[in-house]
């Protein structure tokens, strides 16, 4: 059985307080950017409605996302 890698993600949207979520990914998918992006969309409903967002790394396992202005569909 593969181990898991834990993350802490922050969603920063202009004009709103940051949202914070913790989650884990199996080691066999932890290097997949597409899997990570879809996991973040599932954790943050706002991202599911956004056409694009940026992902930034802070520290070893902290993720921050920002939604582009006008990124909503």
Protein backbone atom coordinates (compact mmCIF):
# COMPACT_ATOMS: atom_id res chain seq x y z
CA UNK A 1 0.00 0.00 0.00
CA UNK A 2 1.38 3.40 -0.96
CA UNK A 3 1.81 6.12 1.64
CA UNK A 4 0.18 9.51 1.58
CA UNK A 5 1.53 13.05 1.42
CA UNK A 6 -0.35 15.70 3.41
CA UNK A 7 -0.99 19.23 2.15
CA UNK A 8 -2.49 22.44 3.47
CA UNK A 9 -4.13 24.63 0.81
CA UNK A 10 -5.17 28.27 1.01
CA UNK A 11 -7.62 29.86 -1.41
CA UNK A 12 -7.05 33.61 -1.72
CA UNK A 13 -9.73 35.59 -3.49
CA UNK A 14 -9.56 39.37 -3.66
CA UNK A 15 -11.94 40.95 -1.15
CA UNK A 16 -12.49 37.73 0.86
CA UNK A 17 -10.79 36.02 3.78
CA UNK A 18 -8.59 33.07 2.76
CA UNK A 19 -10.17 29.60 2.87
CA UNK A 20 -7.98 26.80 4.27
CA UNK A 21 -8.24 23.05 3.59
CA UNK A 22 -6.04 20.10 4.52
CA UNK A 23 -5.89 17.02 2.32
CA UNK A 24 -3.72 14.05 1.44
CA UNK A 25 -2.71 12.49 -1.86
CA UNK A 26 -1.45 8.96 -2.43
CA UNK A 27 2.26 8.84 -3.24
CA UNK A 28 1.51 7.26 -6.62
CA UNK A 29 -0.39 10.40 -7.81
CA UNK A 30 1.37 13.14 -5.85
CA UNK A 31 3.47 14.19 -8.86
CA UNK A 32 0.46 14.57 -11.18
CA UNK A 33 -0.33 18.26 -11.67
CA UNK A 34 -3.65 17.42 -13.35
CA UNK A 35 -4.70 15.26 -10.39
CA UNK A 36 -3.72 18.04 -7.96
CA UNK A 37 -5.67 20.65 -9.92
CA UNK A 38 -8.83 18.50 -9.96
CA UNK A 39 -8.45 17.72 -6.25
CA UNK A 40 -8.30 21.47 -5.51
CA UNK A 41 -11.40 22.06 -7.64
CA UNK A 42 -13.23 19.40 -5.58
CA UNK A 43 -12.10 20.91 -2.25
CA UNK A 44 -12.91 24.52 -3.13
CA UNK A 45 -16.31 24.91 -4.88
CA UNK A 46 -15.33 28.40 -6.07
CA UNK A 47 -12.55 26.86 -8.18
CA UNK A 48 -15.03 24.49 -9.83
CA UNK A 49 -16.75 27.55 -11.34
CA UNK A 50 -13.49 29.25 -12.31
CA UNK A 51 -12.02 28.83 -15.78
CA UNK A 52 -8.48 29.45 -14.52
CA UNK A 53 -6.57 29.81 -11.28
CA UNK A 54 -2.94 30.03 -10.24
CA UNK A 55 -1.20 27.63 -7.87
CA UNK A 56 1.70 28.78 -5.70
CA UNK A 57 3.84 26.74 -3.30
CA UNK A 58 4.69 28.08 0.16
CA UNK A 59 7.13 25.99 2.15
CA UNK A 60 7.35 22.25 1.64
CA UNK A 61 3.70 21.18 1.39
CA UNK A 62 1.55 24.31 1.47
CA UNK A 63 -0.44 25.35 -1.59
CA UNK A 64 -2.00 28.72 -2.28
CA UNK A 65 -4.47 29.29 -5.14
CA UNK A 66 -5.61 32.59 -6.55
CA UNK A 67 -8.54 33.06 -8.88
CA UNK A 68 -7.96 35.38 -11.82
CA UNK A 69 -10.26 38.38 -12.07
CA UNK A 70 -12.96 37.47 -14.54
CA UNK A 71 -12.07 33.81 -14.19
CA UNK A 72 -15.65 32.78 -13.55
CA UNK A 73 -17.72 31.17 -16.24
